């Protein structure tokens, strides 16, 4: 009796896994077909290239570097004064 239950459970497991595998295979194939049909009948319009970001003038870059240097110098000054 116990051997029959184990055999039946193995059969049901194999049947269930086969059904899931077949379902997933069919699902993937349908998704590929859908992508093909959508691409064929509704193609993407050719989009104009996105405008590039405006280049920052050299003066802005110099100000940014100066602000970073000043911030680092101030940080080091406060760090050294708090040690003593």
N, C-alpha and C. Protein backbone atom coordinates (compact mmCIF):
# COMPACT_ATOMS: atom_id res chain seq x y z
N UNK A 1 0.82 -1.19 0.00
CA UNK A 1 0.00 0.00 0.00
C UNK A 1 0.87 1.25 0.00
N UNK A 2 1.88 1.28 0.83
CA UNK A 2 2.74 2.45 0.93
C UNK A 2 3.52 2.68 -0.37
N UNK A 3 3.93 1.63 -1.02
CA UNK A 3 4.67 1.75 -2.28
C UNK A 3 3.77 2.38 -3.34
N UNK A 4 2.49 2.04 -3.35
CA UNK A 4 1.56 2.61 -4.31
C UNK A 4 1.39 4.11 -4.08
N UNK A 5 1.37 4.56 -2.83
CA UNK A 5 1.23 5.98 -2.54
C UNK A 5 2.45 6.76 -3.00
N UNK A 6 3.64 6.19 -2.80
CA UNK A 6 4.85 6.87 -3.24
C UNK A 6 4.87 6.94 -4.76
N UNK A 7 4.51 5.86 -5.42
CA UNK A 7 4.48 5.85 -6.88
C UNK A 7 3.47 6.85 -7.43
N UNK A 8 2.31 6.90 -6.80
CA UNK A 8 1.28 7.85 -7.23
C UNK A 8 1.75 9.29 -7.03
N UNK A 9 2.40 9.55 -5.91
CA UNK A 9 2.88 10.92 -5.65
C UNK A 9 3.95 11.32 -6.65
N UNK A 10 4.83 10.38 -7.04
CA UNK A 10 5.85 10.68 -8.05
C UNK A 10 5.18 10.97 -9.39
N UNK A 11 4.17 10.20 -9.74
CA UNK A 11 3.46 10.44 -11.00
C UNK A 11 2.79 11.82 -11.00
N UNK A 12 2.16 12.17 -9.88
CA UNK A 12 1.52 13.48 -9.80
C UNK A 12 2.55 14.61 -9.85
N UNK A 13 3.70 14.39 -9.22
CA UNK A 13 4.75 15.41 -9.26
C UNK A 13 5.24 15.62 -10.68
N UNK A 14 5.49 14.54 -11.39
CA UNK A 14 5.97 14.64 -12.77
C UNK A 14 4.89 15.27 -13.65
N UNK A 15 3.65 14.88 -13.46
CA UNK A 15 2.56 15.46 -14.23
C UNK A 15 2.45 16.96 -13.97
N UNK A 16 2.51 17.37 -12.71
CA UNK A 16 2.42 18.78 -12.36
C UNK A 16 3.57 19.60 -12.92
N UNK A 17 4.79 19.06 -12.82
CA UNK A 17 5.94 19.78 -13.34
C UNK A 17 5.87 19.89 -14.86
N UNK A 18 5.36 18.86 -15.51
CA UNK A 18 5.22 18.89 -16.97
C UNK A 18 4.19 19.93 -17.38
N UNK A 19 3.09 19.99 -16.67
CA UNK A 19 2.06 20.98 -16.99
C UNK A 19 2.61 22.39 -16.82
N UNK A 20 3.33 22.64 -15.75
CA UNK A 20 3.91 23.96 -15.53
C UNK A 20 4.93 24.29 -16.61
N UNK A 21 5.78 23.35 -16.97
CA UNK A 21 6.79 23.58 -18.01
C UNK A 21 6.12 23.90 -19.34
N UNK A 22 5.12 23.12 -19.72
CA UNK A 22 4.42 23.36 -20.98
C UNK A 22 3.73 24.72 -20.96
N UNK A 23 3.09 25.06 -19.85
CA UNK A 23 2.43 26.36 -19.74
C UNK A 23 3.43 27.50 -19.90
N UNK A 24 4.57 27.41 -19.23
CA UNK A 24 5.56 28.47 -19.34
C UNK A 24 6.14 28.56 -20.75
N UNK A 25 6.35 27.42 -21.40
CA UNK A 25 6.87 27.41 -22.76
C UNK A 25 5.87 28.10 -23.71
N UNK A 26 4.60 27.75 -23.57
CA UNK A 26 3.57 28.37 -24.42
C UNK A 26 3.49 29.86 -24.13
N UNK A 27 3.57 30.24 -22.88
CA UNK A 27 3.52 31.65 -22.51
C UNK A 27 4.66 32.44 -23.15
N UNK A 28 5.88 31.90 -23.10
CA UNK A 28 7.03 32.57 -23.70
C UNK A 28 6.85 32.70 -25.21
N UNK A 29 6.37 31.64 -25.85
CA UNK A 29 6.17 31.71 -27.30
C UNK A 29 5.10 32.73 -27.66
N UNK A 30 4.03 32.81 -26.89
CA UNK A 30 2.99 33.81 -27.15
C UNK A 30 3.51 35.23 -26.95
N UNK A 31 4.35 35.41 -25.94
CA UNK A 31 4.93 36.74 -25.71
C UNK A 31 5.84 37.14 -26.87
N UNK A 32 6.61 36.19 -27.39
CA UNK A 32 7.47 36.48 -28.55
C UNK A 32 6.62 36.83 -29.76
N UNK A 33 5.53 36.08 -29.97
CA UNK A 33 4.64 36.37 -31.09
C UNK A 33 4.01 37.74 -30.94
N UNK A 34 3.60 38.07 -29.72
CA UNK A 34 3.00 39.38 -29.47
C UNK A 34 4.01 40.49 -29.75
N UNK A 35 5.25 40.32 -29.30
CA UNK A 35 6.27 41.33 -29.54
C UNK A 35 6.53 41.49 -31.03
N UNK A 36 6.54 40.39 -31.76
CA UNK A 36 6.75 40.45 -33.21
C UNK A 36 5.60 41.20 -33.89
N UNK A 37 4.36 40.86 -33.51
CA UNK A 37 3.21 41.51 -34.15
C UNK A 37 3.14 42.99 -33.82
N UNK A 38 3.40 43.34 -32.58
CA UNK A 38 3.38 44.76 -32.20
C UNK A 38 4.48 45.51 -32.94
N UNK A 39 5.66 44.92 -33.03
CA UNK A 39 6.75 45.57 -33.75
C UNK A 39 6.46 45.72 -35.23
N UNK A 40 5.73 44.77 -35.80
CA UNK A 40 5.43 44.80 -37.23
C UNK A 40 4.34 45.82 -37.55
N UNK A 41 3.25 45.83 -36.77
CA UNK A 41 2.12 46.68 -37.09
C UNK A 41 2.14 48.03 -36.38
N UNK A 42 2.90 48.17 -35.33
CA UNK A 42 3.00 49.44 -34.60
C UNK A 42 4.47 49.76 -34.36
N UNK A 43 5.22 50.09 -35.41
CA UNK A 43 6.66 50.35 -35.20
C UNK A 43 6.86 51.65 -34.42
N UNK A 44 7.98 51.71 -33.73
CA UNK A 44 8.33 52.92 -32.98
C UNK A 44 8.61 54.05 -33.95
N UNK A 45 8.07 55.23 -33.69
CA UNK A 45 8.41 56.37 -34.54
C UNK A 45 9.87 56.74 -34.30
N UNK A 46 10.50 57.20 -35.35
CA UNK A 46 11.90 57.59 -35.20
C UNK A 46 11.94 58.87 -34.39
N UNK A 47 12.52 58.78 -33.24
CA UNK A 47 12.59 59.93 -32.33
C UNK A 47 13.80 60.77 -32.68
N UNK A 48 13.64 62.07 -32.52
CA UNK A 48 14.75 62.98 -32.75
C UNK A 48 15.76 62.77 -31.63
N UNK A 49 17.03 62.90 -31.94
CA UNK A 49 18.03 62.71 -30.87
C UNK A 49 17.83 63.73 -29.76
N UNK A 50 17.97 63.27 -28.55
CA UNK A 50 17.78 64.13 -27.39
C UNK A 50 18.84 65.22 -27.37
N UNK A 51 18.42 66.43 -27.07
CA UNK A 51 19.42 67.51 -27.03
C UNK A 51 20.41 67.25 -25.89
N UNK A 52 21.65 67.49 -26.18
CA UNK A 52 22.67 67.28 -25.16
C UNK A 52 22.60 68.41 -24.13
N UNK A 53 23.08 68.11 -22.96
CA UNK A 53 23.08 69.10 -21.88
C UNK A 53 23.98 70.26 -22.27
N UNK A 54 23.56 71.47 -21.96
CA UNK A 54 24.41 72.61 -22.31
C UNK A 54 25.72 72.54 -21.55
N UNK A 55 26.77 72.89 -22.24
CA UNK A 55 28.10 72.85 -21.63
C UNK A 55 28.24 74.01 -20.64
N UNK A 56 28.73 73.69 -19.45
CA UNK A 56 28.96 74.72 -18.44
C UNK A 56 30.16 75.56 -18.86
N UNK A 57 30.03 76.85 -18.77
CA UNK A 57 31.18 77.70 -19.11
C UNK A 57 32.35 77.42 -18.19
N UNK A 58 33.52 77.74 -18.67
CA UNK A 58 34.74 77.50 -17.90
C UNK A 58 34.72 78.29 -16.60
N UNK A 59 34.07 79.46 -16.61
CA UNK A 59 34.01 80.29 -15.41
C UNK A 59 33.25 79.59 -14.29
N UNK A 60 32.15 78.91 -14.63
CA UNK A 60 31.39 78.17 -13.63
C UNK A 60 32.22 77.04 -13.04
N UNK A 61 32.98 76.38 -13.89
CA UNK A 61 33.83 75.28 -13.43
C UNK A 61 34.91 75.80 -12.48
N UNK A 62 35.47 76.95 -12.80
CA UNK A 62 36.50 77.53 -11.92
C UNK A 62 35.90 77.91 -10.57
N UNK A 63 34.70 78.46 -10.58
CA UNK A 63 34.05 78.82 -9.31
C UNK A 63 33.76 77.57 -8.48
N UNK A 64 33.35 76.50 -9.14
CA UNK A 64 33.04 75.26 -8.43
C UNK A 64 34.30 74.70 -7.78
N UNK A 65 35.42 74.69 -8.51
CA UNK A 65 36.68 74.19 -7.98
C UNK A 65 37.13 75.05 -6.81
N UNK A 66 37.00 76.37 -6.94
CA UNK A 66 37.40 77.27 -5.86
C UNK A 66 36.56 77.03 -4.61
N UNK A 67 35.25 76.78 -4.78
CA UNK A 67 34.39 76.53 -3.63
C UNK A 67 34.78 75.22 -2.94
N UNK A 68 35.13 74.22 -3.71
CA UNK A 68 35.55 72.95 -3.11
C UNK A 68 36.84 73.11 -2.34
N UNK A 69 37.79 73.82 -2.93
CA UNK A 69 39.08 74.05 -2.25
C UNK A 69 38.86 74.83 -0.96
N UNK A 70 38.00 75.84 -0.99
CA UNK A 70 37.74 76.64 0.21
C UNK A 70 37.07 75.78 1.28
N UNK A 71 36.16 74.92 0.88
CA UNK A 71 35.47 74.08 1.84
C UNK A 71 36.44 73.10 2.50
N UNK A 72 37.34 72.51 1.71
CA UNK A 72 38.33 71.58 2.27
C UNK A 72 39.27 72.31 3.21
N UNK A 73 39.70 73.51 2.82
CA UNK A 73 40.60 74.29 3.68
C UNK A 73 39.91 74.64 5.00
N UNK A 74 38.66 75.04 4.95
CA UNK A 74 37.92 75.38 6.16
C UNK A 74 37.74 74.16 7.05
N UNK A 75 37.46 73.02 6.44
CA UNK A 75 37.30 71.79 7.20
C UNK A 75 38.60 71.43 7.91
N UNK A 76 39.70 71.53 7.19
CA UNK A 76 41.00 71.21 7.81
C UNK A 76 41.32 72.20 8.93
N UNK A 77 40.95 73.46 8.75
CA UNK A 77 41.23 74.47 9.78
C UNK A 77 40.43 74.15 11.05
N UNK A 78 39.17 73.80 10.91
CA UNK A 78 38.35 73.49 12.08
C UNK A 78 38.77 72.18 12.72
N UNK A 79 39.22 71.23 11.91
CA UNK A 79 39.70 69.94 12.44
C UNK A 79 40.96 70.13 13.28
N UNK A 80 41.90 70.95 12.77
CA UNK A 80 43.17 71.14 13.49
C UNK A 80 42.97 71.95 14.76
N UNK A 81 42.01 72.89 14.76
CA UNK A 81 41.79 73.70 15.96
C UNK A 81 41.06 72.90 17.04
N UNK A 82 40.27 71.89 16.66
CA UNK A 82 39.55 71.11 17.67
C UNK A 82 40.46 70.05 18.31
N UNK A 83 41.58 69.72 17.67
CA UNK A 83 42.51 68.72 18.23
C UNK A 83 43.24 69.29 19.47
N UNK A 84 43.59 70.52 19.44
CA UNK A 84 44.43 71.12 20.48
C UNK A 84 43.70 71.55 21.65
